Amino acid sequence: MISGKTALVGLIGQPVQHSLSPVMHNAALKAMGLDWCYLALPCESSELTKVLQSLRALKCKGLNITIPHKQTITGICSQLSPLAKKVGAVNTLIPDKIGGWIGTNTDVAGFIAPLMGRNQEWRKSKAIVLGCGGSARAVVAGLQDMKIFQITVVGRKEEKLRNFLDHFNNAILKNNSIDTPGSLKGILENEDNLLEEIKKADLIINTTPIGMHRDNKNNDAHNQIPLGVNFWNNLKTNTTLYDLVYTPRPTAWLQLGQKKGYNCIDGLEMLIQQGAASLKLWSNYNEIPVNVMRSAAEKSLLFKNYK
């Protein structure tokens, strides 16, 4: 029961109405016996600073950050974790002791988890990352941690793609690491050789919102497929398609991949694992009921599919 003592945690983004985070987090909070409530809080970019200051004043216990704020919010945080600095994007906020927010990133660990659970050697692989936003930054950082041989980022806008690549190349130079990650390059989605790059890939990750279901009858985005159907006809038989989108489940892109016999992963497990990592940081609990979170999320998705 929500009472006068109930504390707040939540998700900031736009849109957020599709998110499963409230379902799985509130199930976990109940199992943990914490008198907290997790809410999805829509927030426009122009209101972000004001909303964060207000939530901090209300003693909010922690926040997740999603599209479109993951990069912008790095400039609002009072402190960034080393990982957040490396990624250049934040998905988790922790209240500090001076009235501000500490920004970190649990998307990296969440992204890696489903891949590491598979019996496959990824070090010699070639990966394609569709998109160059905040989620793509966490994906590239995860791929570098996995020592992927070659990473190619696909973007729509030249300047945004160049800034994305410059960020990671500068991070490598700054760290001066002997254990240098594999090659990182970019390509625009209208370049002629993109199709050939995709055909060579072992792992392809969609970090864009294309294909996401939204509660808008005039929006047919859930029927869309990244880059169009023709790009996915002649991939290698053991190619893995990884869609960070999880509503609907499966997305149109993964449905196409399943029909063609490709390995397919959706974004639900990434959502669960990054959420559990965030909850661990907020609560200081060593054990998070991940199975409870997974069960709640799966049940909610099943209900939505039958509606």
C-alpha atoms as a PDB file:
ATOM      1  CA  MET A   1       0.000   0.000   0.000  1.00  0.00           C
ATOM      2  CA  ILE A   2       1.215   3.494  -0.876  1.00  0.00           C
ATOM      3  CA  SER A   3       1.423   5.630   2.247  1.00  0.00           C
ATOM      4  CA  GLY A   4       2.817   8.938   3.416  1.00  0.00           C
ATOM      5  CA  LYS A   5       6.167   7.206   3.899  1.00  0.00           C
ATOM      6  CA  THR A   6       6.369   5.696   0.411  1.00  0.00           C
ATOM      7  CA  ALA A   7       9.509   6.808  -1.456  1.00  0.00           C
ATOM      8  CA  LEU A   8       9.741   7.450  -5.189  1.00  0.00           C
ATOM      9  CA  VAL A   9      11.927   5.937  -7.899  1.00  0.00           C
ATOM     10  CA  GLY A  10      11.193   6.159 -11.581  1.00  0.00           C
ATOM     11  CA  LEU A  11      11.937   6.517 -15.265  1.00  0.00           C
ATOM     12  CA  ILE A  12      12.439   9.832 -17.098  1.00  0.00           C
ATOM     13  CA  GLY A  13      12.051   9.995 -20.870  1.00  0.00           C
ATOM     14  CA  GLN A  14       9.728  10.733 -23.767  1.00  0.00           C
ATOM     15  CA  PRO A  15       7.903   8.566 -24.633  1.00  0.00           C
ATOM     16  CA  VAL A  16       7.655   6.302 -21.569  1.00  0.00           C
ATOM     17  CA  GLN A  17       4.100   4.965 -21.717  1.00  0.00           C
ATOM     18  CA  HIS A  18       5.255   1.761 -23.409  1.00  0.00           C
ATOM     19  CA  SER A  19       7.890   0.962 -20.755  1.00  0.00           C
ATOM     20  CA  LEU A  20       7.864  -2.247 -18.737  1.00  0.00           C
ATOM     21  CA  SER A  21      10.152  -0.738 -16.105  1.00  0.00           C
ATOM     22  CA  PRO A  22       7.334   0.140 -13.655  1.00  0.00           C
ATOM     23  CA  VAL A  23       5.906  -3.392 -13.864  1.00  0.00           C
ATOM     24  CA  MET A  24       9.167  -5.201 -13.199  1.00  0.00           C
ATOM     25  CA  HIS A  25      10.576  -2.727 -10.660  1.00  0.00           C
ATOM     26  CA  ASN A  26       7.420  -2.592  -8.560  1.00  0.00           C
ATOM     27  CA  ALA A  27       7.311  -6.403  -8.511  1.00  0.00           C
ATOM     28  CA  ALA A  28      10.910  -6.429  -7.275  1.00  0.00           C
ATOM     29  CA  LEU A  29      10.274  -3.717  -4.673  1.00  0.00           C
ATOM     30  CA  LYS A  30       7.374  -5.730  -3.278  1.00  0.00           C
ATOM     31  CA  ALA A  31       9.507  -8.870  -3.091  1.00  0.00           C
ATOM     32  CA  MET A  32      12.269  -6.904  -1.358  1.00  0.00           C
ATOM     33  CA  GLY A  33       9.877  -5.372   1.165  1.00  0.00           C
ATOM     34  CA  LEU A  34      10.829  -1.812   0.212  1.00  0.00           C
ATOM     35  CA  ASP A  35       8.202   0.904   0.679  1.00  0.00           C
ATOM     36  CA  TRP A  36       9.051   2.483  -2.663  1.00  0.00           C
ATOM     37  CA  CYS A  37       6.990   3.117  -5.804  1.00  0.00           C
ATOM     38  CA  TYR A  38       8.425   3.199  -9.347  1.00  0.00           C
ATOM     39  CA  LEU A  39       6.708   5.486 -11.861  1.00  0.00           C
ATOM     40  CA  ALA A  40       7.213   6.270 -15.558  1.00  0.00           C
ATOM     41  CA  LEU A  41       7.496  10.063 -15.776  1.00  0.00           C
ATOM     42  CA  PRO A  42       7.238  11.691 -19.225  1.00  0.00           C
ATOM     43  CA  CYS A  43       9.556  14.661 -19.589  1.00  0.00           C
ATOM     44  CA  GLU A  44      10.308  16.925 -22.541  1.00  0.00           C
ATOM     45  CA  SER A  45      13.910  17.993 -23.112  1.00  0.00           C
ATOM     46  CA  SER A  46      13.095  21.615 -22.307  1.00  0.00           C
ATOM     47  CA  GLU A  47      11.874  20.597 -18.820  1.00  0.00           C
ATOM     48  CA  LEU A  48      14.629  18.121 -17.941  1.00  0.00           C
ATOM     49  CA  THR A  49      16.688  20.273 -15.567  1.00  0.00           C
ATOM     50  CA  LYS A  50      13.614  21.548 -13.757  1.00  0.00           C
ATOM     51  CA  VAL A  51      12.147  18.041 -13.362  1.00  0.00           C
ATOM     52  CA  LEU A  52      15.422  16.606 -12.021  1.00  0.00           C
ATOM     53  CA  GLN A  53      15.787  19.419  -9.485  1.00  0.00           C
ATOM     54  CA  SER A  54      12.191  18.906  -8.339  1.00  0.00           C
ATOM     55  CA  LEU A  55      12.578  15.148  -7.948  1.00  0.00           C
ATOM     56  CA  ARG A  56      15.796  15.625  -5.993  1.00  0.00           C
ATOM     57  CA  ALA A  57      14.006  18.075  -3.686  1.00  0.00           C
ATOM     58  CA  LEU A  58      11.307  15.429  -3.170  1.00  0.00           C
ATOM     59  CA  LYS A  59      13.977  12.970  -1.957  1.00  0.00           C
ATOM     60  CA  CYS A  60      13.560  10.650  -4.944  1.00  0.00           C
ATOM     61  CA  LYS A  61      15.666   7.519  -4.320  1.00  0.00           C
ATOM     62  CA  GLY A  62      16.861   7.053  -7.884  1.00  0.00           C
ATOM     63  CA  LEU A  63      16.002   7.400 -11.569  1.00  0.00           C
ATOM     64  CA  ASN A  64      16.418   5.594 -14.840  1.00  0.00           C
ATOM     65  CA  ILE A  65      16.906   7.710 -17.961  1.00  0.00           C
ATOM     66  CA  THR A  66      15.767   6.767 -21.444  1.00  0.00           C
ATOM     67  CA  ILE A  67      15.309   8.315 -24.915  1.00  0.00           C
ATOM     68  CA  PRO A  68      15.966  11.165 -25.672  1.00  0.00           C
ATOM     69  CA  HIS A  69      17.883  12.276 -22.549  1.00  0.00           C
ATOM     70  CA  LYS A  70      20.756   9.786 -22.123  1.00  0.00           C
ATOM     71  CA  GLN A  71      23.425  12.084 -23.555  1.00  0.00           C
ATOM     72  CA  THR A  72      21.996  15.475 -22.574  1.00  0.00           C
ATOM     73  CA  ILE A  73      21.801  14.498 -18.934  1.00  0.00           C
ATOM     74  CA  THR A  74      25.574  14.028 -18.664  1.00  0.00           C
ATOM     75  CA  GLY A  75      25.874  17.817 -18.526  1.00  0.00           C
ATOM     76  CA  ILE A  76      23.334  18.097 -15.692  1.00  0.00           C
ATOM     77  CA  CYS A  77      24.809  15.518 -13.315  1.00  0.00           C
ATOM     78  CA  SER A  78      26.948  16.758 -10.430  1.00  0.00           C
ATOM     79  CA  GLN A  79      29.213  13.749 -10.922  1.00  0.00           C
ATOM     80  CA  LEU A  80      29.725  11.021 -13.553  1.00  0.00           C
ATOM     81  CA  SER A  81      31.028   7.512 -12.954  1.00  0.00           C
ATOM     82  CA  PRO A  82      34.089   6.455 -14.973  1.00  0.00           C
ATOM     83  CA  LEU A  83      31.868   4.197 -17.089  1.00  0.00           C
ATOM     84  CA  ALA A  84      29.418   7.017 -17.823  1.00  0.00           C
ATOM     85  CA  LYS A  85      32.338   9.188 -18.917  1.00  0.00           C
ATOM     86  CA  LYS A  86      33.600   6.437 -21.215  1.00  0.00           C
ATOM     87  CA  VAL A  87      30.173   5.822 -22.724  1.00  0.00           C
ATOM     88  CA  GLY A  88      29.154   9.469 -22.852  1.00  0.00           C
ATOM     89  CA  ALA A  89      25.619   8.504 -21.854  1.00  0.00           C
ATOM     90  CA  VAL A  90      23.737   7.987 -18.583  1.00  0.00           C
ATOM     91  CA  ASN A  91      20.796   5.679 -17.900  1.00  0.00           C
ATOM     92  CA  THR A  92      20.879   5.674 -14.083  1.00  0.00           C
ATOM     93  CA  LEU A  93      20.882   8.521 -11.560  1.00  0.00           C
ATOM     94  CA  ILE A  94      21.796   8.125  -7.889  1.00  0.00           C
ATOM     95  CA  PRO A  95      21.187  10.984  -5.407  1.00  0.00           C
ATOM     96  CA  ASP A  96      24.390  12.450  -4.006  1.00  0.00           C
ATOM     97  CA  LYS A  97      24.909  14.062  -0.584  1.00  0.00           C
ATOM     98  CA  ILE A  98      24.809  17.670  -1.785  1.00  0.00           C
ATOM     99  CA  GLY A  99      21.436  17.796  -3.537  1.00  0.00           C
ATOM    100  CA  GLY A 100      22.524  16.667  -6.984  1.00  0.00           C
ATOM    101  CA  TRP A 101      22.651  13.482  -9.047  1.00  0.00           C
ATOM    102  CA  ILE A 102      25.442  11.008  -9.772  1.00  0.00           C
ATOM    103  CA  GLY A 103      25.158   9.642 -13.304  1.00  0.00           C
ATOM    104  CA  THR A 104      26.203   6.122 -14.255  1.00  0.00           C
ATOM    105  CA  ASN A 105      25.389   3.542 -16.901  1.00  0.00           C
ATOM    106  CA  THR A 106      23.993   0.047 -16.339  1.00  0.00           C
ATOM    107  CA  ASP A 107      23.003  -0.420 -19.998  1.00  0.00           C
ATOM    108  CA  VAL A 108      26.459  -1.810 -20.793  1.00  0.00           C
ATOM    109  CA  ALA A 109      26.142  -4.729 -18.397  1.00  0.00           C
ATOM    110  CA  GLY A 110      22.523  -5.239 -19.414  1.00  0.00           C
ATOM    111  CA  PHE A 111      23.432  -5.393 -23.099  1.00  0.00           C
ATOM    112  CA  ILE A 112      26.253  -7.880 -22.627  1.00  0.00           C
ATOM    113  CA  ALA A 113      24.332 -10.325 -20.424  1.00  0.00           C
ATOM    114  CA  PRO A 114      22.267 -12.112 -23.146  1.00  0.00           C
ATOM    115  CA  LEU A 115      25.312 -12.437 -25.419  1.00  0.00           C
ATOM    116  CA  MET A 116      27.569 -13.894 -22.740  1.00  0.00           C
ATOM    117  CA  GLY A 117      24.905 -16.490 -21.972  1.00  0.00           C
ATOM    118  CA  ARG A 118      25.394 -18.012 -25.413  1.00  0.00           C
ATOM    119  CA  ASN A 119      28.044 -20.565 -26.256  1.00  0.00           C
ATOM    120  CA  GLN A 120      29.788 -18.453 -28.882  1.00  0.00           C
ATOM    121  CA  GLU A 121      33.229 -16.953 -29.336  1.00  0.00           C
ATOM    122  CA  TRP A 122      32.644 -13.279 -30.061  1.00  0.00           C
ATOM    123  CA  ARG A 123      36.238 -12.015 -30.207  1.00  0.00           C
ATOM    124  CA  LYS A 124      36.637 -12.733 -33.930  1.00  0.00           C
ATOM    125  CA  SER A 125      33.217 -11.355 -34.818  1.00  0.00           C
ATOM    126  CA  LYS A 126      32.176  -8.381 -36.917  1.00  0.00           C
ATOM    127  CA  ALA A 127      29.349  -6.315 -35.444  1.00  0.00           C
ATOM    128  CA  ILE A 128      27.007  -3.758 -36.993  1.00  0.00           C
ATOM    129  CA  VAL A 129      25.348  -1.188 -34.721  1.00  0.00           C
ATOM    130  CA  LEU A 130      22.286   0.537 -36.187  1.00  0.00           C
ATOM    131  CA  GLY A 131      22.016   4.033 -34.737  1.00  0.00           C
ATOM    132  CA  CYS A 132      24.379   6.369 -32.911  1.00  0.00           C
ATOM    133  CA  GLY A 133      22.361   7.666 -29.963  1.00  0.00           C
ATOM    134  CA  GLY A 134      22.667   7.094 -26.232  1.00  0.00           C
ATOM    135  CA  SER A 135      21.802   3.391 -26.357  1.00  0.00           C
ATOM    136  CA  ALA A 136      24.302   2.845 -29.166  1.00  0.00           C
ATOM    137  CA  ARG A 137      27.043   4.298 -26.972  1.00  0.00           C
ATOM    138  CA  ALA A 138      26.384   1.669 -24.302  1.00  0.00           C
ATOM    139  CA  VAL A 139      26.296  -1.046 -26.975  1.00  0.00           C
ATOM    140  CA  VAL A 140      29.641  -0.019 -28.467  1.00  0.00           C
ATOM    141  CA  ALA A 141      31.219   0.136 -24.999  1.00  0.00           C
ATOM    142  CA  GLY A 142      29.882  -3.372 -24.340  1.00  0.00           C
ATOM    143  CA  LEU A 143      31.182  -4.681 -27.650  1.00  0.00           C
ATOM    144  CA  GLN A 144      34.598  -3.213 -26.876  1.00  0.00           C
ATOM    145  CA  ASP A 145      34.576  -4.915 -23.466  1.00  0.00           C
ATOM    146  CA  MET A 146      33.835  -8.167 -25.314  1.00  0.00           C
ATOM    147  CA  LYS A 147      36.857  -7.508 -27.576  1.00  0.00           C
ATOM    148  CA  ILE A 148      34.778  -7.675 -30.758  1.00  0.00           C
ATOM    149  CA  PHE A 149      37.136  -7.698 -33.757  1.00  0.00           C
ATOM    150  CA  GLN A 150      35.338  -5.047 -35.842  1.00  0.00           C
ATOM    151  CA  ILE A 151      32.498  -2.657 -34.973  1.00  0.00           C
ATOM    152  CA  THR A 152      30.693  -0.625 -37.632  1.00  0.00           C
ATOM    153  CA  VAL A 153      28.224   2.037 -36.555  1.00  0.00           C
ATOM    154  CA  VAL A 154      25.476   3.010 -39.007  1.00  0.00           C
ATOM    155  CA  GLY A 155      24.099   6.540 -38.761  1.00  0.00           C
ATOM    156  CA  ARG A 156      21.740   8.800 -40.677  1.00  0.00           C
ATOM    157  CA  LYS A 157      23.465  12.144 -40.060  1.00  0.00           C
ATOM    158  CA  GLU A 158      27.146  12.633 -40.854  1.00  0.00           C
ATOM    159  CA  GLU A 159      27.909  15.109 -38.053  1.00  0.00           C
ATOM    160  CA  LYS A 160      26.239  13.007 -35.356  1.00  0.00           C
ATOM    161  CA  LEU A 161      28.058   9.881 -36.547  1.00  0.00           C
ATOM    162  CA  ARG A 162      31.399  11.680 -36.632  1.00  0.00           C
ATOM    163  CA  ASN A 163      30.901  13.003 -33.090  1.00  0.00           C
ATOM    164  CA  PHE A 164      30.012   9.494 -31.931  1.00  0.00           C
ATOM    165  CA  LEU A 165      33.208   7.994 -33.375  1.00  0.00           C
ATOM    166  CA  ASP A 166      35.350  10.869 -32.127  1.00  0.00           C
ATOM    167  CA  HIS A 167      34.088  10.315 -28.581  1.00  0.00           C
ATOM    168  CA  PHE A 168      35.191   6.675 -28.504  1.00  0.00           C
ATOM    169  CA  ASN A 169      38.470   7.249 -30.344  1.00  0.00           C
ATOM    170  CA  ASN A 170      39.361  10.040 -27.905  1.00  0.00           C
ATOM    171  CA  ALA A 171      38.458   7.802 -24.964  1.00  0.00           C
ATOM    172  CA  ILE A 172      40.863   5.137 -26.239  1.00  0.00           C
ATOM    173  CA  LEU A 173      43.665   7.698 -26.626  1.00  0.00           C
ATOM    174  CA  LYS A 174      42.967   9.198 -23.200  1.00  0.00           C
ATOM    175  CA  ASN A 175      43.085   5.845 -21.450  1.00  0.00           C
ATOM    176  CA  ASN A 176      46.203   4.830 -23.417  1.00  0.00           C
ATOM    177  CA  SER A 177      45.254   1.196 -22.880  1.00  0.00           C
ATOM    178  CA  ILE A 178      47.592  -1.562 -24.022  1.00  0.00           C
ATOM    179  CA  ASP A 179      44.563  -3.820 -24.385  1.00  0.00           C
ATOM    180  CA  THR A 180      43.157  -1.767 -27.299  1.00  0.00           C
ATOM    181  CA  PRO A 181      39.668  -2.697 -28.530  1.00  0.00           C
ATOM    182  CA  GLY A 182      39.092  -3.870 -32.092  1.00  0.00           C
ATOM    183  CA  SER A 183      38.522  -1.467 -34.951  1.00  0.00           C
ATOM    184  CA  LEU A 184      35.652   1.015 -34.814  1.00  0.00           C
ATOM    185  CA  LYS A 185      34.328   2.718 -37.933  1.00  0.00           C
ATOM    186  CA  GLY A 186      31.185   4.403 -39.183  1.00  0.00           C
ATOM    187  CA  ILE A 187      29.059   4.360 -42.292  1.00  0.00           C
ATOM    188  CA  LEU A 188      26.030   6.385 -43.340  1.00  0.00           C
ATOM    189  CA  GLU A 189      22.881   4.416 -44.100  1.00  0.00           C
ATOM    190  CA  ASN A 190      22.687   5.857 -47.620  1.00  0.00           C
ATOM    191  CA  GLU A 191      26.179   4.707 -48.635  1.00  0.00           C
ATOM    192  CA  ASP A 192      26.353   2.162 -51.440  1.00  0.00           C
ATOM    193  CA  ASN A 193      28.559  -0.328 -49.594  1.00  0.00           C
ATOM    194  CA  LEU A 194      26.325  -0.622 -46.522  1.00  0.00           C
ATOM    195  CA  LEU A 195      24.593  -3.750 -47.785  1.00  0.00           C
ATOM    196  CA  GLU A 196      27.929  -5.511 -48.298  1.00  0.00           C
ATOM    197  CA  GLU A 197      29.011  -4.576 -44.762  1.00  0.00           C
ATOM    198  CA  ILE A 198      25.806  -6.037 -43.354  1.00  0.00           C
ATOM    199  CA  LYS A 199      26.227  -9.287 -45.276  1.00  0.00           C
ATOM    200  CA  LYS A 200      29.635  -9.800 -43.625  1.00  0.00           C
ATOM    201  CA  ALA A 201      28.360  -9.202 -40.078  1.00  0.00           C
ATOM    202  CA  ASP A 202      28.141 -11.871 -37.390  1.00  0.00           C
ATOM    203  CA  LEU A 203      26.138  -9.674 -35.001  1.00  0.00           C
ATOM    204  CA  ILE A 204      23.738  -6.838 -35.860  1.00  0.00           C
ATOM    205  CA  ILE A 205      22.209  -4.665 -33.131  1.00  0.00           C
ATOM    206  CA  ASN A 206      19.298  -2.281 -33.637  1.00  0.00           C
ATOM    207  CA  THR A 207      19.589   0.577 -31.139  1.00  0.00           C
ATOM    208  CA  THR A 208      17.024   2.795 -32.880  1.00  0.00           C
ATOM    209  CA  PRO A 209      13.333   3.022 -31.861  1.00  0.00           C
ATOM    210  CA  ILE A 210      12.254   1.770 -35.289  1.00  0.00           C
ATOM    211  CA  GLY A 211       9.756  -1.029 -34.784  1.00  0.00           C
ATOM    212  CA  MET A 212       8.710   0.094 -31.295  1.00  0.00           C
ATOM    213  CA  HIS A 213       5.010  -0.174 -30.533  1.00  0.00           C
ATOM    214  CA  ARG A 214       3.466   3.007 -29.180  1.00  0.00           C
ATOM    215  CA  ASP A 215      -0.057   3.566 -27.907  1.00  0.00           C
ATOM    216  CA  ASN A 216      -0.983   5.736 -30.879  1.00  0.00           C
ATOM    217  CA  LYS A 217      -3.406   4.380 -33.453  1.00  0.00           C
ATOM    218  CA  ASN A 218      -2.020   6.697 -36.111  1.00  0.00           C
ATOM    219  CA  ASN A 219       1.533   5.443 -35.615  1.00  0.00           C
ATOM    220  CA  ASP A 220       2.524   2.337 -37.572  1.00  0.00           C
ATOM    221  CA  ALA A 221       6.144   2.287 -36.358  1.00  0.00           C
ATOM    222  CA  HIS A 222       5.738  -1.265 -35.029  1.00  0.00           C
ATOM    223  CA  ASN A 223       5.369  -2.474 -38.629  1.00  0.00           C
ATOM    224  CA  GLN A 224       8.641  -0.885 -39.712  1.00  0.00           C
ATOM    225  CA  ILE A 225      11.927  -2.698 -40.214  1.00  0.00           C
ATOM    226  CA  PRO A 226      15.318  -0.942 -39.898  1.00  0.00           C
ATOM    227  CA  LEU A 227      16.758  -0.084 -43.341  1.00  0.00           C
ATOM    228  CA  GLY A 228      13.873  -1.876 -45.096  1.00  0.00           C
ATOM    229  CA  VAL A 229      13.148  -5.526 -45.812  1.00  0.00           C
ATOM    230  CA  ASN A 230      15.651  -5.986 -48.660  1.00  0.00           C
ATOM    231  CA  PHE A 231      18.692  -5.512 -46.412  1.00  0.00           C
ATOM    232  CA  TRP A 232      17.985  -8.741 -44.542  1.00  0.00           C
ATOM    233  CA  ASN A 233      17.672 -11.282 -47.367  1.00  0.00           C
ATOM    234  CA  ASN A 234      21.194 -12.640 -47.717  1.00  0.00           C
ATOM    235  CA  LEU A 235      22.933 -12.671 -44.357  1.00  0.00           C
ATOM    236  CA  LYS A 236      25.214 -15.438 -43.142  1.00  0.00           C
ATOM    237  CA  THR A 237      23.193 -18.349 -41.750  1.00  0.00           C
ATOM    238  CA  ASN A 238      24.666 -17.946 -38.247  1.00  0.00           C
ATOM    239  CA  THR A 239      24.112 -14.184 -38.045  1.00  0.00           C
ATOM    240  CA  THR A 240      22.646 -12.917 -34.762  1.00  0.00           C
ATOM    241  CA  LEU A 241      20.074 -10.099 -34.818  1.00  0.00           C
ATOM    242  CA  TYR A 242      19.761  -8.245 -31.507  1.00  0.00           C
ATOM    243  CA  ASP A 243      16.927  -5.729 -31.231  1.00  0.00           C
ATOM    244  CA  LEU A 244      16.962  -3.481 -28.174  1.00  0.00           C
ATOM    245  CA  VAL A 245      13.248  -2.901 -28.767  1.00  0.00           C
ATOM    246  CA  TYR A 246      11.023  -5.319 -26.822  1.00  0.00           C
ATOM    247  CA  THR A 247       7.519  -4.015 -27.569  1.00  0.00           C
ATOM    248  CA  PRO A 248       6.081  -5.725 -29.518  1.00  0.00           C
ATOM    249  CA  ARG A 249       7.754  -9.039 -28.812  1.00  0.00           C
ATOM    250  CA  PRO A 250       9.062 -10.057 -31.275  1.00  0.00           C
ATOM    251  CA  THR A 251       9.449  -6.937 -33.390  1.00  0.00           C
ATOM    252  CA  ALA A 252       8.769  -7.061 -37.124  1.00  0.00           C
ATOM    253  CA  TRP A 253      12.541  -7.150 -37.700  1.00  0.00           C
ATOM    254  CA  LEU A 254      13.048 -10.173 -35.475  1.00  0.00           C
ATOM    255  CA  GLN A 255       9.992 -11.894 -36.952  1.00  0.00           C
ATOM    256  CA  LEU A 256      11.649 -11.543 -40.347  1.00  0.00           C
ATOM    257  CA  GLY A 257      14.920 -12.840 -38.931  1.00  0.00           C
ATOM    258  CA  GLN A 258      13.233 -15.865 -37.373  1.00  0.00           C
ATOM    259  CA  LYS A 259      11.604 -16.751 -40.703  1.00  0.00           C
ATOM    260  CA  LYS A 260      15.014 -16.650 -42.373  1.00  0.00           C
ATOM    261  CA  GLY A 261      16.615 -18.807 -39.668  1.00  0.00           C
ATOM    262  CA  TYR A 262      18.865 -16.191 -38.070  1.00  0.00           C
ATOM    263  CA  ASN A 263      19.657 -16.157 -34.337  1.00  0.00           C
ATOM    264  CA  CYS A 264      17.427 -13.550 -32.687  1.00  0.00           C
ATOM    265  CA  ILE A 265      17.607 -11.718 -29.343  1.00  0.00           C
ATOM    266  CA  ASP A 266      15.177  -9.055 -28.168  1.00  0.00           C
ATOM    267  CA  GLY A 267      15.780  -6.282 -25.667  1.00  0.00           C
ATOM    268  CA  LEU A 268      13.803  -7.700 -22.750  1.00  0.00           C
ATOM    269  CA  GLU A 269      16.722  -9.368 -20.961  1.00  0.00           C
ATOM    270  CA  MET A 270      18.831  -6.241 -21.392  1.00  0.00           C
ATOM    271  CA  LEU A 271      16.008  -4.224 -19.816  1.00  0.00           C
ATOM    272  CA  ILE A 272      15.784  -6.651 -16.906  1.00  0.00           C
ATOM    273  CA  GLN A 273      19.532  -6.826 -16.251  1.00  0.00           C
ATOM    274  CA  GLN A 274      20.136  -3.071 -16.452  1.00  0.00           C
ATOM    275  CA  GLY A 275      17.119  -2.497 -14.220  1.00  0.00           C
ATOM    276  CA  ALA A 276      18.370  -4.958 -11.624  1.00  0.00           C
ATOM    277  CA  ALA A 277      21.784  -3.279 -11.652  1.00  0.00           C
ATOM    278  CA  SER A 278      20.155   0.127 -11.132  1.00  0.00           C
ATOM    279  CA  LEU A 279      18.015  -1.164  -8.261  1.00  0.00           C
ATOM    280  CA  LYS A 280      21.089  -2.609  -6.613  1.00  0.00           C
ATOM    281  CA  LEU A 281      22.781   0.797  -6.720  1.00  0.00           C
ATOM    282  CA  TRP A 282      19.743   2.623  -5.292  1.00  0.00           C
ATOM    283  CA  SER A 283      18.959   0.154  -2.519  1.00  0.00           C
ATOM    284  CA  ASN A 284      22.444  -1.122  -1.586  1.00  0.00           C
ATOM    285  CA  TYR A 285      20.929  -4.620  -1.507  1.00  0.00           C
ATOM    286  CA  ASN A 286      23.321  -7.358  -2.611  1.00  0.00           C
ATOM    287  CA  GLU A 287      20.555  -9.636  -3.863  1.00  0.00           C
ATOM    288  CA  ILE A 288      17.994  -8.385  -6.393  1.00  0.00           C
ATOM    289  CA  PRO A 289      15.036 -10.680  -7.315  1.00  0.00           C
ATOM    290  CA  VAL A 290      15.846 -10.813 -11.029  1.00  0.00           C
ATOM    291  CA  ASN A 291      13.526 -13.780 -11.607  1.00  0.00           C
ATOM    292  CA  VAL A 292      10.632 -11.797 -10.140  1.00  0.00           C
ATOM    293  CA  MET A 293      11.422  -8.904 -12.474  1.00  0.00           C
ATOM    294  CA  ARG A 294      11.609 -11.206 -15.486  1.00  0.00           C
ATOM    295  CA  SER A 295       8.354 -12.970 -14.642  1.00  0.00           C
ATOM    296  CA  ALA A 296       6.489  -9.676 -14.178  1.00  0.00           C
ATOM    297  CA  ALA A 297       7.808  -8.265 -17.460  1.00  0.00           C
ATOM    298  CA  GLU A 298       6.974 -11.415 -19.432  1.00  0.00           C
ATOM    299  CA  LYS A 299       3.454 -11.572 -18.005  1.00  0.00           C
ATOM    300  CA  SER A 300       2.854  -7.938 -18.894  1.00  0.00           C
ATOM    301  CA  LEU A 301       4.062  -8.461 -22.465  1.00  0.00           C
ATOM    302  CA  LEU A 302       1.906 -11.550 -22.826  1.00  0.00           C
ATOM    303  CA  PHE A 303      -1.123  -9.566 -21.684  1.00  0.00           C
ATOM    304  CA  LYS A 304      -0.367  -6.784 -24.166  1.00  0.00           C
ATOM    305  CA  ASN A 305      -0.018  -9.279 -27.032  1.00  0.00           C
ATOM    306  CA  TYR A 306      -3.456 -10.683 -26.298  1.00  0.00           C
ATOM    307  CA  LYS A 307      -5.175  -7.280 -26.000  1.00  0.00           C
END
